[in-house]
Amino acid sequence: GKRSAETGRMTWTLIRLELARSREFPEGSPAH
């Protein structure tokens, strides 16, 4: 409800997600 559809701005974006810290990977893992 707080977002405004009137902004009219839309951008296709390339996003990289890397595995965050976890028990298995205490430092995270850019390979995942």
PDB file of all heavy atoms in Angstrom:
ATOM      1  N   GLY A   1       0.798  -1.214   0.000  1.00  0.00           N
ATOM      2  CA  GLY A   1       0.000   0.000   0.000  1.00  0.00           C
ATOM      3  C   GLY A   1       0.836   1.273   0.000  1.00  0.00           C
ATOM      4  O   GLY A   1       0.361   2.335  -0.365  1.00  0.00           O
ATOM      5  N   LYS A   2       2.090   1.185   0.408  1.00  0.00           N
ATOM      6  CA  LYS A   2       2.972   2.359   0.476  1.00  0.00           C
ATOM      7  C   LYS A   2       3.683   2.624  -0.837  1.00  0.00           C
ATOM      8  O   LYS A   2       4.302   3.648  -1.011  1.00  0.00           O
ATOM      9  CB  LYS A   2       4.030   2.181   1.576  1.00  0.00           C
ATOM     10  CG  LYS A   2       3.463   2.074   2.948  1.00  0.00           C
ATOM     11  CD  LYS A   2       3.106   3.434   3.460  1.00  0.00           C
ATOM     12  CE  LYS A   2       2.647   3.321   4.901  1.00  0.00           C
ATOM     13  NZ  LYS A   2       2.168   4.549   5.435  1.00  0.00           N
ATOM     14  N   ARG A   3       3.635   1.671  -1.759  1.00  0.00           N
ATOM     15  CA  ARG A   3       4.305   1.859  -3.045  1.00  0.00           C
ATOM     16  C   ARG A   3       3.388   2.612  -3.977  1.00  0.00           C
ATOM     17  O   ARG A   3       2.187   2.401  -4.006  1.00  0.00           O
ATOM     18  CB  ARG A   3       4.679   0.516  -3.652  1.00  0.00           C
ATOM     19  CG  ARG A   3       5.826  -0.114  -2.894  1.00  0.00           C
ATOM     20  CD  ARG A   3       6.251  -1.370  -3.544  1.00  0.00           C
ATOM     21  NE  ARG A   3       5.282  -2.391  -3.197  1.00  0.00           N
ATOM     22  CZ  ARG A   3       4.997  -3.425  -3.957  1.00  0.00           C
ATOM     23  NH1 ARG A   3       5.586  -3.596  -5.088  1.00  0.00           N
ATOM     24  NH2 ARG A   3       4.115  -4.310  -3.578  1.00  0.00           N
ATOM     25  N   SER A   4       3.966   3.447  -4.771  1.00  0.00           N
ATOM     26  CA  SER A   4       3.165   4.251  -5.691  1.00  0.00           C
ATOM     27  C   SER A   4       3.301   3.722  -7.103  1.00  0.00           C
ATOM     28  O   SER A   4       4.385   3.705  -7.664  1.00  0.00           O
ATOM     29  CB  SER A   4       3.628   5.704  -5.629  1.00  0.00           C
ATOM     30  OG  SER A   4       2.991   6.436  -6.639  1.00  0.00           O
ATOM     31  N   ALA A   5       2.199   3.315  -7.681  1.00  0.00           N
ATOM     32  CA  ALA A   5       2.218   2.872  -9.077  1.00  0.00           C
ATOM     33  C   ALA A   5       2.419   4.059 -10.004  1.00  0.00           C
ATOM     34  O   ALA A   5       2.779   3.908 -11.157  1.00  0.00           O
ATOM     35  CB  ALA A   5       0.917   2.157  -9.411  1.00  0.00           C
ATOM     36  N   GLU A   6       2.206   5.265  -9.479  1.00  0.00           N
ATOM     37  CA  GLU A   6       2.338   6.449 -10.311  1.00  0.00           C
ATOM     38  C   GLU A   6       3.782   6.791 -10.645  1.00  0.00           C
ATOM     39  O   GLU A   6       4.028   7.652 -11.477  1.00  0.00           O
ATOM     40  CB  GLU A   6       1.686   7.666  -9.634  1.00  0.00           C
ATOM     41  CG  GLU A   6       0.176   7.601  -9.621  1.00  0.00           C
ATOM     42  CD  GLU A   6      -0.339   6.850  -8.409  1.00  0.00           C
ATOM     43  OE1 GLU A   6       0.222   6.996  -7.310  1.00  0.00           O
ATOM     44  OE2 GLU A   6      -1.305   6.107  -8.566  1.00  0.00           O
ATOM     45  N   THR A   7       4.761   6.175  -9.963  1.00  0.00           N
ATOM     46  CA  THR A   7       6.148   6.519 -10.263  1.00  0.00           C
ATOM     47  C   THR A   7       6.459   6.207 -11.716  1.00  0.00           C
ATOM     48  O   THR A   7       7.244   6.910 -12.340  1.00  0.00           O
ATOM     49  CB  THR A   7       7.136   5.757  -9.365  1.00  0.00           C
ATOM     50  OG1 THR A   7       6.999   4.363  -9.597  1.00  0.00           O
ATOM     51  CG2 THR A   7       6.931   6.096  -7.903  1.00  0.00           C
ATOM     52  N   GLY A   8       5.845   5.152 -12.252  1.00  0.00           N
ATOM     53  CA  GLY A   8       6.037   4.814 -13.648  1.00  0.00           C
ATOM     54  C   GLY A   8       7.433   4.308 -13.967  1.00  0.00           C
ATOM     55  O   GLY A   8       7.711   3.979 -15.099  1.00  0.00           O
ATOM     56  N   ARG A   9       8.300   4.271 -13.004  1.00  0.00           N
ATOM     57  CA  ARG A   9       9.664   3.827 -13.245  1.00  0.00           C
ATOM     58  C   ARG A   9       9.741   2.310 -13.129  1.00  0.00           C
ATOM     59  O   ARG A   9       9.257   1.731 -12.176  1.00  0.00           O
ATOM     60  CB  ARG A   9      10.616   4.453 -12.223  1.00  0.00           C
ATOM     61  CG  ARG A   9      10.844   5.906 -12.478  1.00  0.00           C
ATOM     62  CD  ARG A   9      11.869   6.514 -11.556  1.00  0.00           C
ATOM     63  NE  ARG A   9      12.867   5.578 -11.095  1.00  0.00           N
ATOM     64  CZ  ARG A   9      13.521   5.687  -9.959  1.00  0.00           C
ATOM     65  NH1 ARG A   9      13.284   6.698  -9.159  1.00  0.00           N
ATOM     66  NH2 ARG A   9      14.426   4.801  -9.610  1.00  0.00           N
ATOM     67  N   MET A  10      10.344   1.709 -14.107  1.00  0.00           N
ATOM     68  CA  MET A  10      10.594   0.276 -14.086  1.00  0.00           C
ATOM     69  C   MET A  10      11.891   0.068 -14.831  1.00  0.00           C
ATOM     70  O   MET A  10      12.102   0.649 -15.895  1.00  0.00           O
ATOM     71  CB  MET A  10       9.450  -0.486 -14.750  1.00  0.00           C
ATOM     72  CG  MET A  10       9.564  -1.995 -14.655  1.00  0.00           C
ATOM     73  SD  MET A  10      10.674  -2.800 -15.834  1.00  0.00           S
ATOM     74  CE  MET A  10       9.998  -2.307 -17.382  1.00  0.00           C
ATOM     75  N   THR A  11      12.765  -0.726 -14.241  1.00  0.00           N
ATOM     76  CA  THR A  11      14.058  -0.989 -14.849  1.00  0.00           C
ATOM     77  C   THR A  11      14.357  -2.475 -14.772  1.00  0.00           C
ATOM     78  O   THR A  11      14.286  -3.064 -13.690  1.00  0.00           O
ATOM     79  CB  THR A  11      15.181  -0.220 -14.096  1.00  0.00           C
ATOM     80  OG1 THR A  11      14.850   1.161 -14.059  1.00  0.00           O
ATOM     81  CG2 THR A  11      16.519  -0.408 -14.770  1.00  0.00           C
ATOM     82  N   TRP A  12      14.685  -3.065 -15.908  1.00  0.00           N
ATOM     83  CA  TRP A  12      15.171  -4.439 -15.886  1.00  0.00           C
ATOM     84  C   TRP A  12      16.576  -4.394 -15.295  1.00  0.00           C
ATOM     85  O   TRP A  12      17.404  -3.568 -15.686  1.00  0.00           O
ATOM     86  CB  TRP A  12      15.174  -5.036 -17.287  1.00  0.00           C
ATOM     87  CG  TRP A  12      13.792  -5.417 -17.711  1.00  0.00           C
ATOM     88  CD1 TRP A  12      12.890  -4.637 -18.355  1.00  0.00           C
ATOM     89  CD2 TRP A  12      13.144  -6.663 -17.472  1.00  0.00           C
ATOM     90  NE1 TRP A  12      11.719  -5.319 -18.545  1.00  0.00           N
ATOM     91  CE2 TRP A  12      11.849  -6.574 -18.013  1.00  0.00           C
ATOM     92  CE3 TRP A  12      13.529  -7.854 -16.851  1.00  0.00           C
ATOM     93  CZ2 TRP A  12      10.940  -7.622 -17.952  1.00  0.00           C
ATOM     94  CZ3 TRP A  12      12.630  -8.901 -16.805  1.00  0.00           C
ATOM     95  CH2 TRP A  12      11.338  -8.774 -17.346  1.00  0.00           C
ATOM     96  N   THR A  13      16.824  -5.282 -14.340  1.00  0.00           N
ATOM     97  CA  THR A  13      18.054  -5.243 -13.565  1.00  0.00           C
ATOM     98  C   THR A  13      18.653  -6.637 -13.477  1.00  0.00           C
ATOM     99  O   THR A  13      17.930  -7.622 -13.310  1.00  0.00           O
ATOM    100  CB  THR A  13      17.761  -4.707 -12.142  1.00  0.00           C
ATOM    101  OG1 THR A  13      17.117  -3.437 -12.263  1.00  0.00           O
ATOM    102  CG2 THR A  13      19.020  -4.566 -11.321  1.00  0.00           C
ATOM    103  N   LEU A  14      19.980  -6.707 -13.585  1.00  0.00           N
ATOM    104  CA  LEU A  14      20.705  -7.955 -13.388  1.00  0.00           C
ATOM    105  C   LEU A  14      21.194  -7.977 -11.949  1.00  0.00           C
ATOM    106  O   LEU A  14      21.867  -7.043 -11.509  1.00  0.00           O
ATOM    107  CB  LEU A  14      21.888  -8.061 -14.354  1.00  0.00           C
ATOM    108  CG  LEU A  14      22.683  -9.358 -14.276  1.00  0.00           C
ATOM    109  CD1 LEU A  14      21.813 -10.558 -14.658  1.00  0.00           C
ATOM    110  CD2 LEU A  14      23.900  -9.279 -15.180  1.00  0.00           C
ATOM    111  N   ILE A  15      20.823  -9.023 -11.228  1.00  0.00           N
ATOM    112  CA  ILE A  15      21.159  -9.151  -9.806  1.00  0.00           C
ATOM    113  C   ILE A  15      21.917 -10.452  -9.586  1.00  0.00           C
ATOM    114  O   ILE A  15      21.543 -11.496 -10.124  1.00  0.00           O
ATOM    115  CB  ILE A  15      19.867  -9.146  -8.959  1.00  0.00           C
ATOM    116  CG1 ILE A  15      19.203  -7.776  -9.081  1.00  0.00           C
ATOM    117  CG2 ILE A  15      20.156  -9.510  -7.513  1.00  0.00           C
ATOM    118  CD1 ILE A  15      17.883  -7.667  -8.398  1.00  0.00           C
ATOM    119  N   ARG A  16      22.987 -10.360  -8.802  1.00  0.00           N
ATOM    120  CA  ARG A  16      23.727 -11.553  -8.394  1.00  0.00           C
ATOM    121  C   ARG A  16      23.435 -11.807  -6.920  1.00  0.00           C
ATOM    122  O   ARG A  16      23.585 -10.911  -6.089  1.00  0.00           O
ATOM    123  CB  ARG A  16      25.225 -11.398  -8.602  1.00  0.00           C
ATOM    124  CG  ARG A  16      25.993 -12.660  -8.201  1.00  0.00           C
ATOM    125  CD  ARG A  16      27.488 -12.547  -8.493  1.00  0.00           C
ATOM    126  NE  ARG A  16      28.204 -13.691  -7.989  1.00  0.00           N
ATOM    127  CZ  ARG A  16      28.445 -14.806  -8.671  1.00  0.00           C
ATOM    128  NH1 ARG A  16      28.035 -14.907  -9.923  1.00  0.00           N
ATOM    129  NH2 ARG A  16      29.096 -15.807  -8.116  1.00  0.00           N
ATOM    130  N   LEU A  17      22.987 -13.023  -6.629  1.00  0.00           N
ATOM    131  CA  LEU A  17      22.721 -13.475  -5.272  1.00  0.00           C
ATOM    132  C   LEU A  17      23.775 -14.516  -4.912  1.00  0.00           C
ATOM    133  O   LEU A  17      23.971 -15.478  -5.660  1.00  0.00           O
ATOM    134  CB  LEU A  17      21.341 -14.124  -5.183  1.00  0.00           C
ATOM    135  CG  LEU A  17      20.143 -13.299  -5.640  1.00  0.00           C
ATOM    136  CD1 LEU A  17      18.917 -14.186  -5.783  1.00  0.00           C
ATOM    137  CD2 LEU A  17      19.883 -12.203  -4.637  1.00  0.00           C
ATOM    138  N   GLU A  18      24.448 -14.333  -3.773  1.00  0.00           N
ATOM    139  CA  GLU A  18      25.444 -15.301  -3.309  1.00  0.00           C
ATOM    140  C   GLU A  18      25.011 -15.842  -1.950  1.00  0.00           C
ATOM    141  O   GLU A  18      24.469 -15.093  -1.125  1.00  0.00           O
ATOM    142  CB  GLU A  18      26.821 -14.655  -3.200  1.00  0.00           C
ATOM    143  CG  GLU A  18      27.364 -14.223  -4.544  1.00  0.00           C
ATOM    144  CD  GLU A  18      28.742 -13.581  -4.458  1.00  0.00           C
ATOM    145  OE1 GLU A  18      29.290 -13.424  -3.343  1.00  0.00           O
ATOM    146  OE2 GLU A  18      29.271 -13.231  -5.536  1.00  0.00           O
ATOM    147  N   LEU A  19      25.279 -17.123  -1.742  1.00  0.00           N
ATOM    148  CA  LEU A  19      24.893 -17.772  -0.490  1.00  0.00           C
ATOM    149  C   LEU A  19      25.467 -16.999   0.692  1.00  0.00           C
ATOM    150  O   LEU A  19      26.666 -16.719   0.747  1.00  0.00           O
ATOM    151  CB  LEU A  19      25.386 -19.222  -0.473  1.00  0.00           C
ATOM    152  CG  LEU A  19      24.907 -20.075   0.695  1.00  0.00           C
ATOM    153  CD1 LEU A  19      23.387 -20.227   0.679  1.00  0.00           C
ATOM    154  CD2 LEU A  19      25.572 -21.452   0.647  1.00  0.00           C
ATOM    155  N   ALA A  20      24.596 -16.629   1.622  1.00  0.00           N
ATOM    156  CA  ALA A  20      24.998 -15.876   2.804  1.00  0.00           C
ATOM    157  C   ALA A  20      25.587 -16.827   3.852  1.00  0.00           C
ATOM    158  O   ALA A  20      25.559 -18.054   3.697  1.00  0.00           O
ATOM    159  CB  ALA A  20      23.792 -15.127   3.373  1.00  0.00           C
ATOM    160  N   ARG A  21      26.092 -16.243   4.919  1.00  0.00           N
ATOM    161  CA  ARG A  21      26.661 -17.048   5.997  1.00  0.00           C
ATOM    162  C   ARG A  21      25.631 -18.015   6.545  1.00  0.00           C
ATOM    163  O   ARG A  21      24.452 -17.684   6.681  1.00  0.00           O
ATOM    164  CB  ARG A  21      27.153 -16.145   7.126  1.00  0.00           C
ATOM    165  CG  ARG A  21      28.307 -15.285   6.713  1.00  0.00           C
ATOM    166  CD  ARG A  21      28.811 -14.487   7.869  1.00  0.00           C
ATOM    167  NE  ARG A  21      27.775 -13.545   8.291  1.00  0.00           N
ATOM    168  CZ  ARG A  21      27.921 -12.672   9.255  1.00  0.00           C
ATOM    169  NH1 ARG A  21      29.047 -12.611   9.928  1.00  0.00           N
ATOM    170  NH2 ARG A  21      26.938 -11.852   9.571  1.00  0.00           N
ATOM    171  N   SER A  22      26.106 -19.212   6.869  1.00  0.00           N
ATOM    172  CA  SER A  22      25.248 -20.247   7.443  1.00  0.00           C
ATOM    173  C   SER A  22      26.147 -21.199   8.235  1.00  0.00           C
ATOM    174  O   SER A  22      27.369 -21.058   8.232  1.00  0.00           O
ATOM    175  CB  SER A  22      24.514 -21.013   6.329  1.00  0.00           C
ATOM    176  OG  SER A  22      25.435 -21.741   5.536  1.00  0.00           O
ATOM    177  N   ARG A  23      25.545 -22.174   8.888  1.00  0.00           N
ATOM    178  CA  ARG A  23      26.354 -23.191   9.592  1.00  0.00           C
ATOM    179  C   ARG A  23      27.281 -23.914   8.630  1.00  0.00           C
ATOM    180  O   ARG A  23      28.437 -24.154   8.929  1.00  0.00           O
ATOM    181  CB  ARG A  23      25.438 -24.209  10.264  1.00  0.00           C
ATOM    182  CG  ARG A  23      25.256 -23.940  11.722  1.00  0.00           C
ATOM    183  CD  ARG A  23      24.500 -25.058  12.388  1.00  0.00           C
ATOM    184  NE  ARG A  23      23.438 -24.397  13.119  1.00  0.00           N
ATOM    185  CZ  ARG A  23      22.260 -24.875  13.328  1.00  0.00           C
ATOM    186  NH1 ARG A  23      21.942 -26.062  12.880  1.00  0.00           N
ATOM    187  NH2 ARG A  23      21.366 -24.192  13.995  1.00  0.00           N
ATOM    188  N   GLU A  24      26.737 -24.264   7.465  1.00  0.00           N
ATOM    189  CA  GLU A  24      27.538 -24.986   6.470  1.00  0.00           C
ATOM    190  C   GLU A  24      28.641 -24.123   5.875  1.00  0.00           C
ATOM    191  O   GLU A  24      29.708 -24.614   5.530  1.00  0.00           O
ATOM    192  CB  GLU A  24      26.647 -25.469   5.321  1.00  0.00           C
ATOM    193  CG  GLU A  24      25.600 -26.478   5.716  1.00  0.00           C
ATOM    194  CD  GLU A  24      24.633 -26.702   4.573  1.00  0.00           C
ATOM    195  OE1 GLU A  24      23.764 -25.829   4.367  1.00  0.00           O
ATOM    196  OE2 GLU A  24      24.770 -27.739   3.890  1.00  0.00           O
ATOM    197  N   PHE A  25      28.354 -22.825   5.733  1.00  0.00           N
ATOM    198  CA  PHE A  25      29.288 -21.881   5.100  1.00  0.00           C
ATOM    199  C   PHE A  25      29.404 -20.631   5.972  1.00  0.00           C
ATOM    200  O   PHE A  25      28.738 -19.624   5.709  1.00  0.00           O
ATOM    201  CB  PHE A  25      28.802 -21.512   3.687  1.00  0.00           C
ATOM    202  CG  PHE A  25      28.770 -22.675   2.745  1.00  0.00           C
ATOM    203  CD1 PHE A  25      27.600 -23.402   2.564  1.00  0.00           C
ATOM    204  CD2 PHE A  25      29.909 -23.057   2.060  1.00  0.00           C
ATOM    205  CE1 PHE A  25      27.563 -24.485   1.709  1.00  0.00           C
ATOM    206  CE2 PHE A  25      29.882 -24.139   1.191  1.00  0.00           C
ATOM    207  CZ  PHE A  25      28.713 -24.855   1.017  1.00  0.00           C
ATOM    208  N   PRO A  26      30.250 -20.678   7.014  1.00  0.00           N
ATOM    209  CA  PRO A  26      30.354 -19.550   7.951  1.00  0.00           C
ATOM    210  C   PRO A  26      30.758 -18.229   7.295  1.00  0.00           C
ATOM    211  O   PRO A  26      30.435 -17.162   7.817  1.00  0.00           O
ATOM    212  CB  PRO A  26      31.423 -19.997   8.948  1.00  0.00           C
ATOM    213  CG  PRO A  26      31.538 -21.472   8.789  1.00  0.00           C
ATOM    214  CD  PRO A  26      31.075 -21.804   7.408  1.00  0.00           C
ATOM    215  N   GLU A  27      31.423 -18.278   6.160  1.00  0.00           N
ATOM    216  CA  GLU A  27      31.812 -17.059   5.440  1.00  0.00           C
ATOM    217  C   GLU A  27      30.922 -16.805   4.226  1.00  0.00           C
ATOM    218  O   GLU A  27      31.202 -15.917   3.426  1.00  0.00           O
ATOM    219  CB  GLU A  27      33.277 -17.158   4.987  1.00  0.00           C
ATOM    220  CG  GLU A  27      34.259 -17.340   6.124  1.00  0.00           C
ATOM    221  CD  GLU A  27      34.188 -16.203   7.136  1.00  0.00           C
ATOM    222  OE1 GLU A  27      34.125 -15.033   6.707  1.00  0.00           O
ATOM    223  OE2 GLU A  27      34.180 -16.486   8.341  1.00  0.00           O
ATOM    224  N   GLY A  28      29.886 -17.603   4.070  1.00  0.00           N
ATOM    225  CA  GLY A  28      29.068 -17.529   2.869  1.00  0.00           C
ATOM    226  C   GLY A  28      29.775 -18.267   1.740  1.00  0.00           C
ATOM    227  O   GLY A  28      30.816 -18.893   1.948  1.00  0.00           O
ATOM    228  N   SER A  29      29.219 -18.233   0.550  1.00  0.00           N
ATOM    229  CA  SER A  29      29.826 -18.927  -0.578  1.00  0.00           C
ATOM    230  C   SER A  29      29.479 -18.254  -1.897  1.00  0.00           C
ATOM    231  O   SER A  29      28.364 -18.405  -2.398  1.00  0.00           O
ATOM    232  CB  SER A  29      29.376 -20.387  -0.631  1.00  0.00           C
ATOM    233  OG  SER A  29      29.887 -21.025  -1.784  1.00  0.00           O
ATOM    234  N   PRO A  30      30.447 -17.515  -2.485  1.00  0.00           N
ATOM    235  CA  PRO A  30      30.184 -16.935  -3.801  1.00  0.00           C
ATOM    236  C   PRO A  30      30.069 -17.991  -4.898  1.00  0.00           C
ATOM    237  O   PRO A  30      29.563 -17.708  -5.979  1.00  0.00           O
ATOM    238  CB  PRO A  30      31.377 -16.014  -4.043  1.00  0.00           C
ATOM    239  CG  PRO A  30      32.384 -16.335  -3.019  1.00  0.00           C
ATOM    240  CD  PRO A  30      31.710 -17.109  -1.926  1.00  0.00           C
ATOM    241  N   ALA A  31      30.512 -19.220  -4.623  1.00  0.00           N
ATOM    242  CA  ALA A  31      30.406 -20.303  -5.608  1.00  0.00           C
ATOM    243  C   ALA A  31      28.970 -20.822  -5.721  1.00  0.00           C
ATOM    244  O   ALA A  31      28.624 -21.462  -6.705  1.00  0.00           O
ATOM    245  CB  ALA A  31      31.346 -21.443  -5.238  1.00  0.00           C
ATOM    246  N   HIS A  32      28.137 -20.550  -4.714  1.00  0.00           N
ATOM    247  CA  HIS A  32      26.715 -20.914  -4.736  1.00  0.00           C
ATOM    248  C   HIS A  32      25.956 -19.620  -5.021  1.00  0.00           C
ATOM    249  O   HIS A  32      25.818 -18.771  -4.133  1.00  0.00           O
ATOM    250  CB  HIS A  32      26.270 -21.488  -3.391  1.00  0.00           C
ATOM    251  CG  HIS A  32      26.923 -22.788  -3.054  1.00  0.00           C
ATOM    252  ND1 HIS A  32      28.168 -22.870  -2.483  1.00  0.00           N
ATOM    253  CD2 HIS A  32      26.489 -24.057  -3.217  1.00  0.00           C
ATOM    254  CE1 HIS A  32      28.476 -24.139  -2.301  1.00  0.00           C
ATOM    255  NE2 HIS A  32      27.479 -24.883  -2.739  1.00  0.00           N
TER     256      HIS A  32
END
